């Protein structure tokens, strides 16, 4: 799609925010336990500290559906905006938050916890993702100007951890199902205890977006950043570290959810242009909308893992986007 065919940014904000509102509402309304529209609105009107005689409906809305929708939306926003920043920093259109082995590290850490019967699955997943991230930086960031080295290091570390994970599943016996289900990614167990860490992750990517959208434009264009006053090595390290940390919060709590960081940025870039001033906030809202919609659909299929759904839907959509760009 050429620049002349791109849609105005104002239309993009209106459209994406409208889709987000609809997705959030559907996430609150639909679920295994049916609820009328008026009951939902009445429970929402009571607020998180409301008092009512209909305790079951109030618990269903405020203890189950509201925190689940909030965590799904924030996770999608982190993954999509992270994909935008990764693609610009690494100058690789196929980059997403899992490019540096974050997902593989988290999966390996969580699987180790499940294998040894340790209860700290989330903490182990976070430690695994952080360890993988540090290893990639050690291998690929020695030359601050070599973007391909970082990407290659991420592929190598991810492949090694993937092989180790396969070996672990082969000897896990009856614990393999638990490993596989965690790695598929799901918000079925999300609660208020997950809202705070997800808000930290969201705040981190928002701050990075506000601080570096100009630098991202320069780096994505392939221009000589140093000549334009950009400390490329420092900016890249800051963004890679910050985004990987934010994504590790998501992966460690909800498992691997792929393609959100690929499909959303590509689609929005085609429709509304490559300027990161607009692309980053649109991706935040678009990722949140997509994740809420995916989780709502997953609930309708007997809690199908959201990660499976995003791959099944996002994969063909991404192939179509690539085909249209030819």
C-alpha atoms as a PDB file:
ATOM      1  CA  UNK A   1       0.000   0.000   0.000  1.00  0.00           C
ATOM      2  CA  UNK A   2       1.481   3.315  -1.015  1.00  0.00           C
ATOM      3  CA  UNK A   3       1.598   6.439   1.129  1.00  0.00           C
ATOM      4  CA  UNK A   4      -1.257   8.021  -0.868  1.00  0.00           C
ATOM      5  CA  UNK A   5      -3.573   5.180   0.096  1.00  0.00           C
ATOM      6  CA  UNK A   6      -2.845   5.296   3.795  1.00  0.00           C
ATOM      7  CA  UNK A   7      -5.656   6.322   6.086  1.00  0.00           C
ATOM      8  CA  UNK A   8      -5.553   9.426   8.309  1.00  0.00           C
ATOM      9  CA  UNK A   9      -4.161   8.869  11.791  1.00  0.00           C
ATOM     10  CA  UNK A  10      -7.297  10.370  13.354  1.00  0.00           C
ATOM     11  CA  UNK A  11      -9.391   7.694  11.661  1.00  0.00           C
ATOM     12  CA  UNK A  12      -6.963   5.076  12.963  1.00  0.00           C
ATOM     13  CA  UNK A  13      -7.324   6.224  16.551  1.00  0.00           C
ATOM     14  CA  UNK A  14     -11.104   6.281  16.303  1.00  0.00           C
ATOM     15  CA  UNK A  15     -11.275   2.858  14.662  1.00  0.00           C
ATOM     16  CA  UNK A  16      -8.794   1.103  16.947  1.00  0.00           C
ATOM     17  CA  UNK A  17     -10.277   2.594  20.125  1.00  0.00           C
ATOM     18  CA  UNK A  18     -13.767   1.580  18.964  1.00  0.00           C
ATOM     19  CA  UNK A  19     -12.606  -1.984  18.386  1.00  0.00           C
ATOM     20  CA  UNK A  20     -10.906  -1.980  21.795  1.00  0.00           C
ATOM     21  CA  UNK A  21     -14.075  -0.823  23.557  1.00  0.00           C
ATOM     22  CA  UNK A  22     -16.139  -3.503  21.819  1.00  0.00           C
ATOM     23  CA  UNK A  23     -13.551  -6.186  22.632  1.00  0.00           C
ATOM     24  CA  UNK A  24     -13.429  -5.199  26.306  1.00  0.00           C
ATOM     25  CA  UNK A  25     -17.211  -5.215  26.538  1.00  0.00           C
ATOM     26  CA  UNK A  26     -17.441  -8.634  24.877  1.00  0.00           C
ATOM     27  CA  UNK A  27     -14.818  -9.951  27.289  1.00  0.00           C
ATOM     28  CA  UNK A  28     -16.919  -8.782  30.220  1.00  0.00           C
ATOM     29  CA  UNK A  29     -20.238  -9.951  28.796  1.00  0.00           C
ATOM     30  CA  UNK A  30     -19.473 -13.368  27.343  1.00  0.00           C
ATOM     31  CA  UNK A  31     -18.349 -16.371  29.365  1.00  0.00           C
ATOM     32  CA  UNK A  32     -19.270 -19.894  30.449  1.00  0.00           C
ATOM     33  CA  UNK A  33     -21.795 -18.449  32.929  1.00  0.00           C
ATOM     34  CA  UNK A  34     -24.469 -16.423  31.092  1.00  0.00           C
ATOM     35  CA  UNK A  35     -25.384 -12.959  32.372  1.00  0.00           C
ATOM     36  CA  UNK A  36     -27.876 -10.425  31.091  1.00  0.00           C
ATOM     37  CA  UNK A  37     -26.716  -7.052  29.832  1.00  0.00           C
ATOM     38  CA  UNK A  38     -28.602  -5.235  32.587  1.00  0.00           C
ATOM     39  CA  UNK A  39     -27.063  -7.401  35.307  1.00  0.00           C
ATOM     40  CA  UNK A  40     -23.586  -6.737  33.901  1.00  0.00           C
ATOM     41  CA  UNK A  41     -24.141  -2.979  33.804  1.00  0.00           C
ATOM     42  CA  UNK A  42     -25.585  -3.022  37.317  1.00  0.00           C
ATOM     43  CA  UNK A  43     -22.586  -4.927  38.703  1.00  0.00           C
ATOM     44  CA  UNK A  44     -20.141  -2.617  36.923  1.00  0.00           C
ATOM     45  CA  UNK A  45     -21.967   0.414  38.299  1.00  0.00           C
ATOM     46  CA  UNK A  46     -21.391  -0.830  41.852  1.00  0.00           C
ATOM     47  CA  UNK A  47     -17.633  -0.553  41.436  1.00  0.00           C
ATOM     48  CA  UNK A  48     -14.886  -2.789  42.863  1.00  0.00           C
ATOM     49  CA  UNK A  49     -15.940  -2.180  46.469  1.00  0.00           C
ATOM     50  CA  UNK A  50     -19.687  -2.326  45.983  1.00  0.00           C
ATOM     51  CA  UNK A  51     -22.212  -4.003  48.257  1.00  0.00           C
ATOM     52  CA  UNK A  52     -25.060  -6.064  46.833  1.00  0.00           C
ATOM     53  CA  UNK A  53     -27.327  -8.949  47.696  1.00  0.00           C
ATOM     54  CA  UNK A  54     -26.407 -10.646  44.402  1.00  0.00           C
ATOM     55  CA  UNK A  55     -23.005 -11.797  45.566  1.00  0.00           C
ATOM     56  CA  UNK A  56     -22.601 -14.495  42.903  1.00  0.00           C
ATOM     57  CA  UNK A  57     -23.054 -12.072  40.001  1.00  0.00           C
ATOM     58  CA  UNK A  58     -20.855  -9.469  41.656  1.00  0.00           C
ATOM     59  CA  UNK A  59     -18.072 -12.016  42.208  1.00  0.00           C
ATOM     60  CA  UNK A  60     -18.367 -13.248  38.637  1.00  0.00           C
ATOM     61  CA  UNK A  61     -17.900  -9.740  37.250  1.00  0.00           C
ATOM     62  CA  UNK A  62     -15.418  -8.125  39.624  1.00  0.00           C
ATOM     63  CA  UNK A  63     -13.353 -11.105  40.807  1.00  0.00           C
ATOM     64  CA  UNK A  64     -13.210 -13.077  37.567  1.00  0.00           C
ATOM     65  CA  UNK A  65     -14.078 -11.172  34.393  1.00  0.00           C
ATOM     66  CA  UNK A  66     -12.766  -7.669  35.119  1.00  0.00           C
ATOM     67  CA  UNK A  67      -9.222  -8.705  36.134  1.00  0.00           C
ATOM     68  CA  UNK A  68      -9.081 -11.218  33.278  1.00  0.00           C
ATOM     69  CA  UNK A  69     -10.012  -8.603  30.696  1.00  0.00           C
ATOM     70  CA  UNK A  70      -7.604  -6.083  32.229  1.00  0.00           C
ATOM     71  CA  UNK A  71      -4.652  -8.490  32.179  1.00  0.00           C
ATOM     72  CA  UNK A  72      -5.437  -9.684  28.652  1.00  0.00           C
ATOM     73  CA  UNK A  73      -5.656  -6.099  27.375  1.00  0.00           C
ATOM     74  CA  UNK A  74      -2.434  -5.003  29.066  1.00  0.00           C
ATOM     75  CA  UNK A  75      -0.590  -8.117  27.894  1.00  0.00           C
ATOM     76  CA  UNK A  76      -1.673  -7.565  24.293  1.00  0.00           C
ATOM     77  CA  UNK A  77      -0.621  -3.918  24.485  1.00  0.00           C
ATOM     78  CA  UNK A  78       2.829  -4.885  25.783  1.00  0.00           C
ATOM     79  CA  UNK A  79       3.359  -7.541  23.120  1.00  0.00           C
ATOM     80  CA  UNK A  80       2.207  -5.363  20.207  1.00  0.00           C
ATOM     81  CA  UNK A  81       4.132  -2.228  21.195  1.00  0.00           C
ATOM     82  CA  UNK A  82       7.133  -4.416  21.966  1.00  0.00           C
ATOM     83  CA  UNK A  83       6.924  -5.795  18.444  1.00  0.00           C
ATOM     84  CA  UNK A  84       6.985  -2.264  17.021  1.00  0.00           C
ATOM     85  CA  UNK A  85      10.108  -1.351  18.975  1.00  0.00           C
ATOM     86  CA  UNK A  86      11.888  -4.613  18.214  1.00  0.00           C
ATOM     87  CA  UNK A  87      11.247  -4.260  14.471  1.00  0.00           C
ATOM     88  CA  UNK A  88      12.621  -0.715  14.478  1.00  0.00           C
ATOM     89  CA  UNK A  89      15.643  -1.369  16.685  1.00  0.00           C
ATOM     90  CA  UNK A  90      16.674  -4.571  14.928  1.00  0.00           C
ATOM     91  CA  UNK A  91      15.591  -3.322  11.483  1.00  0.00           C
ATOM     92  CA  UNK A  92      13.973  -6.685  10.960  1.00  0.00           C
ATOM     93  CA  UNK A  93      10.299  -6.860   9.856  1.00  0.00           C
ATOM     94  CA  UNK A  94       9.958 -10.340  11.380  1.00  0.00           C
ATOM     95  CA  UNK A  95      11.175  -9.305  14.818  1.00  0.00           C
ATOM     96  CA  UNK A  96       8.810  -9.527  17.769  1.00  0.00           C
ATOM     97  CA  UNK A  97       9.207  -9.657  21.563  1.00  0.00           C
ATOM     98  CA  UNK A  98      10.251 -13.312  21.435  1.00  0.00           C
ATOM     99  CA  UNK A  99      13.094 -12.739  18.974  1.00  0.00           C
ATOM    100  CA  UNK A 100      15.724 -12.603  21.725  1.00  0.00           C
ATOM    101  CA  UNK A 101      14.762 -15.909  23.303  1.00  0.00           C
ATOM    102  CA  UNK A 102      12.524 -14.413  26.004  1.00  0.00           C
ATOM    103  CA  UNK A 103       9.718 -16.911  25.364  1.00  0.00           C
ATOM    104  CA  UNK A 104      12.047 -19.906  25.126  1.00  0.00           C
ATOM    105  CA  UNK A 105      13.769 -18.948  28.360  1.00  0.00           C
ATOM    106  CA  UNK A 106      10.477 -18.489  30.195  1.00  0.00           C
ATOM    107  CA  UNK A 107       9.132 -21.793  28.880  1.00  0.00           C
ATOM    108  CA  UNK A 108      12.264 -23.614  29.956  1.00  0.00           C
ATOM    109  CA  UNK A 109      12.210 -22.036  33.416  1.00  0.00           C
ATOM    110  CA  UNK A 110       8.549 -22.854  33.970  1.00  0.00           C
ATOM    111  CA  UNK A 111       8.992 -26.391  32.683  1.00  0.00           C
ATOM    112  CA  UNK A 112      11.904 -26.934  35.060  1.00  0.00           C
ATOM    113  CA  UNK A 113       9.703 -25.825  37.953  1.00  0.00           C
ATOM    114  CA  UNK A 114       6.915 -28.187  36.863  1.00  0.00           C
ATOM    115  CA  UNK A 115       9.348 -31.052  36.298  1.00  0.00           C
ATOM    116  CA  UNK A 116      10.884 -30.779  39.770  1.00  0.00           C
ATOM    117  CA  UNK A 117       7.564 -30.084  41.473  1.00  0.00           C
ATOM    118  CA  UNK A 118       8.540 -26.592  42.584  1.00  0.00           C
ATOM    119  CA  UNK A 119       5.608 -24.271  43.214  1.00  0.00           C
ATOM    120  CA  UNK A 120       7.334 -21.134  41.934  1.00  0.00           C
ATOM    121  CA  UNK A 121       6.357 -21.514  38.284  1.00  0.00           C
ATOM    122  CA  UNK A 122       5.972 -17.786  37.606  1.00  0.00           C
ATOM    123  CA  UNK A 123       9.229 -16.908  39.350  1.00  0.00           C
ATOM    124  CA  UNK A 124      11.067 -19.697  37.525  1.00  0.00           C
ATOM    125  CA  UNK A 125       9.671 -18.542  34.182  1.00  0.00           C
ATOM    126  CA  UNK A 126      10.742 -14.972  34.872  1.00  0.00           C
ATOM    127  CA  UNK A 127      14.235 -16.137  35.868  1.00  0.00           C
ATOM    128  CA  UNK A 128      14.473 -18.228  32.695  1.00  0.00           C
ATOM    129  CA  UNK A 129      13.459 -15.350  30.451  1.00  0.00           C
ATOM    130  CA  UNK A 130      15.868 -12.963  32.188  1.00  0.00           C
ATOM    131  CA  UNK A 131      18.705 -15.488  31.907  1.00  0.00           C
ATOM    132  CA  UNK A 132      18.065 -16.017  28.202  1.00  0.00           C
ATOM    133  CA  UNK A 133      17.916 -12.284  27.659  1.00  0.00           C
ATOM    134  CA  UNK A 134      21.262 -11.719  29.396  1.00  0.00           C
ATOM    135  CA  UNK A 135      22.887 -14.526  27.428  1.00  0.00           C
ATOM    136  CA  UNK A 136      21.705 -13.048  24.132  1.00  0.00           C
ATOM    137  CA  UNK A 137      23.087  -9.656  25.060  1.00  0.00           C
ATOM    138  CA  UNK A 138      26.415 -11.167  26.076  1.00  0.00           C
ATOM    139  CA  UNK A 139      26.703 -12.972  22.747  1.00  0.00           C
ATOM    140  CA  UNK A 140      25.242 -10.379  20.418  1.00  0.00           C
ATOM    141  CA  UNK A 141      25.760  -6.912  21.856  1.00  0.00           C
ATOM    142  CA  UNK A 142      29.557  -6.694  21.931  1.00  0.00           C
ATOM    143  CA  UNK A 143      29.512  -4.638  18.764  1.00  0.00           C
ATOM    144  CA  UNK A 144      26.936  -1.924  19.373  1.00  0.00           C
ATOM    145  CA  UNK A 145      26.421  -1.451  15.622  1.00  0.00           C
ATOM    146  CA  UNK A 146      25.913  -5.092  14.636  1.00  0.00           C
ATOM    147  CA  UNK A 147      22.144  -5.607  14.636  1.00  0.00           C
ATOM    148  CA  UNK A 148      22.384  -8.967  12.888  1.00  0.00           C
ATOM    149  CA  UNK A 149      24.570 -10.298  15.700  1.00  0.00           C
ATOM    150  CA  UNK A 150      21.812  -9.733  18.251  1.00  0.00           C
ATOM    151  CA  UNK A 151      19.194 -11.383  16.048  1.00  0.00           C
ATOM    152  CA  UNK A 152      21.471 -14.344  15.364  1.00  0.00           C
ATOM    153  CA  UNK A 153      22.255 -14.722  19.063  1.00  0.00           C
ATOM    154  CA  UNK A 154      18.527 -14.731  19.827  1.00  0.00           C
ATOM    155  CA  UNK A 155      17.900 -17.455  17.253  1.00  0.00           C
ATOM    156  CA  UNK A 156      20.760 -19.580  18.599  1.00  0.00           C
ATOM    157  CA  UNK A 157      19.762 -19.220  22.249  1.00  0.00           C
ATOM    158  CA  UNK A 158      16.116 -19.893  21.400  1.00  0.00           C
ATOM    159  CA  UNK A 159      17.047 -23.013  19.424  1.00  0.00           C
ATOM    160  CA  UNK A 160      19.220 -24.381  22.231  1.00  0.00           C
ATOM    161  CA  UNK A 161      16.535 -23.767  24.839  1.00  0.00           C
ATOM    162  CA  UNK A 162      13.925 -25.265  22.517  1.00  0.00           C
ATOM    163  CA  UNK A 163      15.976 -28.446  22.195  1.00  0.00           C
ATOM    164  CA  UNK A 164      16.482 -28.581  25.964  1.00  0.00           C
ATOM    165  CA  UNK A 165      12.753 -28.125  26.440  1.00  0.00           C
ATOM    166  CA  UNK A 166      12.014 -30.981  24.038  1.00  0.00           C
ATOM    167  CA  UNK A 167      14.358 -33.228  26.001  1.00  0.00           C
ATOM    168  CA  UNK A 168      12.696 -32.186  29.243  1.00  0.00           C
ATOM    169  CA  UNK A 169       9.249 -33.014  27.886  1.00  0.00           C
ATOM    170  CA  UNK A 170      10.492 -36.393  26.664  1.00  0.00           C
ATOM    171  CA  UNK A 171      11.498 -37.444  30.172  1.00  0.00           C
ATOM    172  CA  UNK A 172       8.720 -35.625  32.042  1.00  0.00           C
ATOM    173  CA  UNK A 173       6.219 -38.481  31.977  1.00  0.00           C
ATOM    174  CA  UNK A 174       2.834 -37.503  33.422  1.00  0.00           C
ATOM    175  CA  UNK A 175       4.031 -33.920  33.976  1.00  0.00           C
ATOM    176  CA  UNK A 176       4.318 -33.245  30.254  1.00  0.00           C
ATOM    177  CA  UNK A 177       0.656 -32.201  29.895  1.00  0.00           C
ATOM    178  CA  UNK A 178       1.100 -29.467  32.492  1.00  0.00           C
ATOM    179  CA  UNK A 179       4.173 -28.177  30.645  1.00  0.00           C
ATOM    180  CA  UNK A 180       2.410 -28.144  27.286  1.00  0.00           C
ATOM    181  CA  UNK A 181      -0.676 -26.378  28.649  1.00  0.00           C
ATOM    182  CA  UNK A 182       1.442 -23.652  30.264  1.00  0.00           C
ATOM    183  CA  UNK A 183       3.401 -23.065  27.083  1.00  0.00           C
ATOM    184  CA  UNK A 184       0.232 -22.619  25.015  1.00  0.00           C
ATOM    185  CA  UNK A 185      -0.608 -19.376  26.820  1.00  0.00           C
ATOM    186  CA  UNK A 186      -3.896 -18.699  28.603  1.00  0.00           C
ATOM    187  CA  UNK A 187      -5.616 -16.109  30.793  1.00  0.00           C
ATOM    188  CA  UNK A 188      -7.997 -18.597  32.400  1.00  0.00           C
ATOM    189  CA  UNK A 189      -6.276 -18.269  35.801  1.00  0.00           C
ATOM    190  CA  UNK A 190      -5.804 -14.485  35.644  1.00  0.00           C
ATOM    191  CA  UNK A 191      -6.851 -12.542  38.731  1.00  0.00           C
ATOM    192  CA  UNK A 192      -6.268  -9.320  40.585  1.00  0.00           C
ATOM    193  CA  UNK A 193      -2.864 -10.595  41.684  1.00  0.00           C
ATOM    194  CA  UNK A 194      -1.772 -10.292  38.026  1.00  0.00           C
ATOM    195  CA  UNK A 195      -3.039  -6.773  37.420  1.00  0.00           C
ATOM    196  CA  UNK A 196      -0.237  -4.960  39.241  1.00  0.00           C
ATOM    197  CA  UNK A 197       2.714  -6.667  37.489  1.00  0.00           C
ATOM    198  CA  UNK A 198       0.991  -6.242  34.120  1.00  0.00           C
ATOM    199  CA  UNK A 199       0.456  -2.549  34.861  1.00  0.00           C
ATOM    200  CA  UNK A 200       4.197  -2.265  35.620  1.00  0.00           C
ATOM    201  CA  UNK A 201       5.009  -3.863  32.272  1.00  0.00           C
ATOM    202  CA  UNK A 202       2.555  -1.597  30.449  1.00  0.00           C
ATOM    203  CA  UNK A 203       3.917   1.530  32.134  1.00  0.00           C
ATOM    204  CA  UNK A 204       7.433   0.509  31.114  1.00  0.00           C
ATOM    205  CA  UNK A 205       6.631   0.172  27.401  1.00  0.00           C
ATOM    206  CA  UNK A 206       4.566   3.386  27.450  1.00  0.00           C
ATOM    207  CA  UNK A 207       7.479   5.310  28.975  1.00  0.00           C
ATOM    208  CA  UNK A 208       9.865   3.852  26.395  1.00  0.00           C
ATOM    209  CA  UNK A 209       7.450   4.780  23.614  1.00  0.00           C
ATOM    210  CA  UNK A 210       7.175   8.368  24.805  1.00  0.00           C
ATOM    211  CA  UNK A 211      10.916   8.736  25.301  1.00  0.00           C
ATOM    212  CA  UNK A 212      12.212   7.177  22.072  1.00  0.00           C
ATOM    213  CA  UNK A 213       9.643   7.449  19.261  1.00  0.00           C
ATOM    214  CA  UNK A 214      11.841   9.929  17.360  1.00  0.00           C
ATOM    215  CA  UNK A 215      14.901   7.702  17.694  1.00  0.00           C
ATOM    216  CA  UNK A 216      12.839   4.729  16.519  1.00  0.00           C
ATOM    217  CA  UNK A 217      11.927   6.596  13.320  1.00  0.00           C
ATOM    218  CA  UNK A 218      15.601   7.235  12.619  1.00  0.00           C
ATOM    219  CA  UNK A 219      16.732   3.694  13.414  1.00  0.00           C
ATOM    220  CA  UNK A 220      13.926   2.079  11.403  1.00  0.00           C
ATOM    221  CA  UNK A 221      14.769   4.199   8.356  1.00  0.00           C
ATOM    222  CA  UNK A 222      18.317   2.850   8.248  1.00  0.00           C
ATOM    223  CA  UNK A 223      19.788   6.366   8.442  1.00  0.00           C
ATOM    224  CA  UNK A 224      23.092   7.083  10.148  1.00  0.00           C
ATOM    225  CA  UNK A 225      21.809   7.670  13.656  1.00  0.00           C
ATOM    226  CA  UNK A 226      25.142   8.871  14.970  1.00  0.00           C
ATOM    227  CA  UNK A 227      25.239  11.635  12.355  1.00  0.00           C
ATOM    228  CA  UNK A 228      21.761  12.721  13.468  1.00  0.00           C
ATOM    229  CA  UNK A 229      22.734  12.866  17.131  1.00  0.00           C
ATOM    230  CA  UNK A 230      21.394   9.477  18.242  1.00  0.00           C
ATOM    231  CA  UNK A 231      23.525   7.236  20.455  1.00  0.00           C
ATOM    232  CA  UNK A 232      22.423   4.104  18.604  1.00  0.00           C
ATOM    233  CA  UNK A 233      24.149   1.570  20.853  1.00  0.00           C
ATOM    234  CA  UNK A 234      22.755   3.070  24.059  1.00  0.00           C
ATOM    235  CA  UNK A 235      19.242   3.489  22.676  1.00  0.00           C
ATOM    236  CA  UNK A 236      19.165  -0.041  21.291  1.00  0.00           C
ATOM    237  CA  UNK A 237      20.395  -1.565  24.557  1.00  0.00           C
ATOM    238  CA  UNK A 238      17.866   0.464  26.561  1.00  0.00           C
ATOM    239  CA  UNK A 239      14.960  -0.533  24.343  1.00  0.00           C
ATOM    240  CA  UNK A 240      15.934  -4.187  24.074  1.00  0.00           C
ATOM    241  CA  UNK A 241      16.376  -4.420  27.835  1.00  0.00           C
ATOM    242  CA  UNK A 242      13.181  -2.572  28.657  1.00  0.00           C
ATOM    243  CA  UNK A 243      10.954  -4.384  26.180  1.00  0.00           C
ATOM    244  CA  UNK A 244      12.399  -7.798  27.050  1.00  0.00           C
ATOM    245  CA  UNK A 245      11.796  -7.112  30.746  1.00  0.00           C
ATOM    246  CA  UNK A 246       8.200  -6.052  30.108  1.00  0.00           C
ATOM    247  CA  UNK A 247       7.523  -9.081  27.903  1.00  0.00           C
ATOM    248  CA  UNK A 248       9.061 -11.399  30.484  1.00  0.00           C
ATOM    249  CA  UNK A 249       6.353 -10.272  32.936  1.00  0.00           C
ATOM    250  CA  UNK A 250       3.699 -11.362  30.435  1.00  0.00           C
ATOM    251  CA  UNK A 251       5.296 -14.665  29.470  1.00  0.00           C
ATOM    252  CA  UNK A 252       6.143 -15.663  33.024  1.00  0.00           C
ATOM    253  CA  UNK A 253       2.532 -15.323  34.157  1.00  0.00           C
ATOM    254  CA  UNK A 254       0.481 -16.394  31.137  1.00  0.00           C
ATOM    255  CA  UNK A 255       2.752 -18.490  28.928  1.00  0.00           C
ATOM    256  CA  UNK A 256       3.767 -18.040  25.306  1.00  0.00           C
ATOM    257  CA  UNK A 257       1.371 -15.967  23.191  1.00  0.00           C
ATOM    258  CA  UNK A 258       2.747 -15.512  19.704  1.00  0.00           C
ATOM    259  CA  UNK A 259       2.050 -13.400  16.612  1.00  0.00           C
ATOM    260  CA  UNK A 260       0.487 -10.441  18.463  1.00  0.00           C
ATOM    261  CA  UNK A 261       3.782  -8.578  18.160  1.00  0.00           C
ATOM    262  CA  UNK A 262       3.960  -9.386  14.445  1.00  0.00           C
ATOM    263  CA  UNK A 263       0.450  -9.011  13.063  1.00  0.00           C
ATOM    264  CA  UNK A 264      -0.682  -5.854  14.861  1.00  0.00           C
ATOM    265  CA  UNK A 265       2.349  -3.634  14.002  1.00  0.00           C
ATOM    266  CA  UNK A 266       2.455  -4.800  10.382  1.00  0.00           C
ATOM    267  CA  UNK A 267      -1.252  -4.240   9.793  1.00  0.00           C
ATOM    268  CA  UNK A 268      -1.265  -0.803  11.410  1.00  0.00           C
ATOM    269  CA  UNK A 269       1.929   0.229   9.609  1.00  0.00           C
ATOM    270  CA  UNK A 270       0.354  -0.641   6.257  1.00  0.00           C
ATOM    271  CA  UNK A 271      -2.875   1.210   7.046  1.00  0.00           C
ATOM    272  CA  UNK A 272      -1.596   4.311   8.820  1.00  0.00           C
ATOM    273  CA  UNK A 273       2.079   4.688   7.957  1.00  0.00           C
ATOM    274  CA  UNK A 274       5.433   4.046   9.654  1.00  0.00           C
ATOM    275  CA  UNK A 275       5.668   7.105  11.923  1.00  0.00           C
ATOM    276  CA  UNK A 276       6.208   5.833  15.452  1.00  0.00           C
ATOM    277  CA  UNK A 277       4.445   8.877  16.898  1.00  0.00           C
ATOM    278  CA  UNK A 278       1.189   7.249  15.769  1.00  0.00           C
ATOM    279  CA  UNK A 279       2.251   3.638  15.306  1.00  0.00           C
ATOM    280  CA  UNK A 280       3.171   3.064  18.966  1.00  0.00           C
ATOM    281  CA  UNK A 281      -0.110   4.254  20.568  1.00  0.00           C
ATOM    282  CA  UNK A 282      -2.134   2.569  17.832  1.00  0.00           C
ATOM    283  CA  UNK A 283      -0.268  -0.689  18.484  1.00  0.00           C
ATOM    284  CA  UNK A 284      -0.881  -0.393  22.217  1.00  0.00           C
ATOM    285  CA  UNK A 285      -4.624  -0.132  21.649  1.00  0.00           C
ATOM    286  CA  UNK A 286      -4.638  -2.621  18.759  1.00  0.00           C
ATOM    287  CA  UNK A 287      -2.728  -5.253  20.704  1.00  0.00           C
ATOM    288  CA  UNK A 288      -5.075  -4.836  23.661  1.00  0.00           C
ATOM    289  CA  UNK A 289      -8.113  -5.205  21.388  1.00  0.00           C
ATOM    290  CA  UNK A 290      -6.737  -8.301  19.657  1.00  0.00           C
ATOM    291  CA  UNK A 291      -5.829 -10.001  22.924  1.00  0.00           C
ATOM    292  CA  UNK A 292      -9.230  -9.282  24.485  1.00  0.00           C
ATOM    293  CA  UNK A 293     -10.986 -10.608  21.399  1.00  0.00           C
ATOM    294  CA  UNK A 294      -8.817 -13.738  21.304  1.00  0.00           C
ATOM    295  CA  UNK A 295      -9.431 -14.439  24.990  1.00  0.00           C
ATOM    296  CA  UNK A 296     -13.182 -13.951  24.577  1.00  0.00           C
ATOM    297  CA  UNK A 297     -13.269 -16.405  21.677  1.00  0.00           C
ATOM    298  CA  UNK A 298     -11.082 -18.823  23.650  1.00  0.00           C
ATOM    299  CA  UNK A 299     -13.649 -18.838  26.470  1.00  0.00           C
ATOM    300  CA  UNK A 300     -16.301 -19.900  23.970  1.00  0.00           C
ATOM    301  CA  UNK A 301     -14.267 -22.978  22.993  1.00  0.00           C
ATOM    302  CA  UNK A 302     -14.035 -24.491  26.464  1.00  0.00           C
ATOM    303  CA  UNK A 303     -11.043 -22.349  27.488  1.00  0.00           C
ATOM    304  CA  UNK A 304      -8.961 -22.981  24.390  1.00  0.00           C
ATOM    305  CA  UNK A 305      -5.493 -21.534  25.127  1.00  0.00           C
ATOM    306  CA  UNK A 306      -5.292 -17.989  23.795  1.00  0.00           C
ATOM    307  CA  UNK A 307      -1.779 -18.610  22.483  1.00  0.00           C
ATOM    308  CA  UNK A 308      -3.092 -21.320  20.175  1.00  0.00           C
ATOM    309  CA  UNK A 309      -5.814 -19.031  18.878  1.00  0.00           C
ATOM    310  CA  UNK A 310      -3.475 -16.103  18.163  1.00  0.00           C
ATOM    311  CA  UNK A 311      -1.213 -18.401  16.132  1.00  0.00           C
ATOM    312  CA  UNK A 312      -4.106 -20.018  14.237  1.00  0.00           C
ATOM    313  CA  UNK A 313      -5.585 -16.632  13.351  1.00  0.00           C
ATOM    314  CA  UNK A 314      -2.446 -14.492  13.264  1.00  0.00           C
ATOM    315  CA  UNK A 315      -0.439 -16.863  11.087  1.00  0.00           C
ATOM    316  CA  UNK A 316      -2.739 -16.754   8.030  1.00  0.00           C
ATOM    317  CA  UNK A 317      -3.338 -13.019   8.495  1.00  0.00           C
ATOM    318  CA  UNK A 318       0.395 -12.371   8.540  1.00  0.00           C
ATOM    319  CA  UNK A 319       0.857 -14.505   5.418  1.00  0.00           C
ATOM    320  CA  UNK A 320      -1.844 -12.454   3.695  1.00  0.00           C
ATOM    321  CA  UNK A 321      -0.140  -9.200   4.713  1.00  0.00           C
ATOM    322  CA  UNK A 322       3.164 -10.419   3.297  1.00  0.00           C
ATOM    323  CA  UNK A 323       1.445 -11.520   0.077  1.00  0.00           C
ATOM    324  CA  UNK A 324      -0.211  -8.091  -0.333  1.00  0.00           C
ATOM    325  CA  UNK A 325       3.160  -6.365   0.046  1.00  0.00           C
ATOM    326  CA  UNK A 326       4.676  -8.242  -2.886  1.00  0.00           C
END
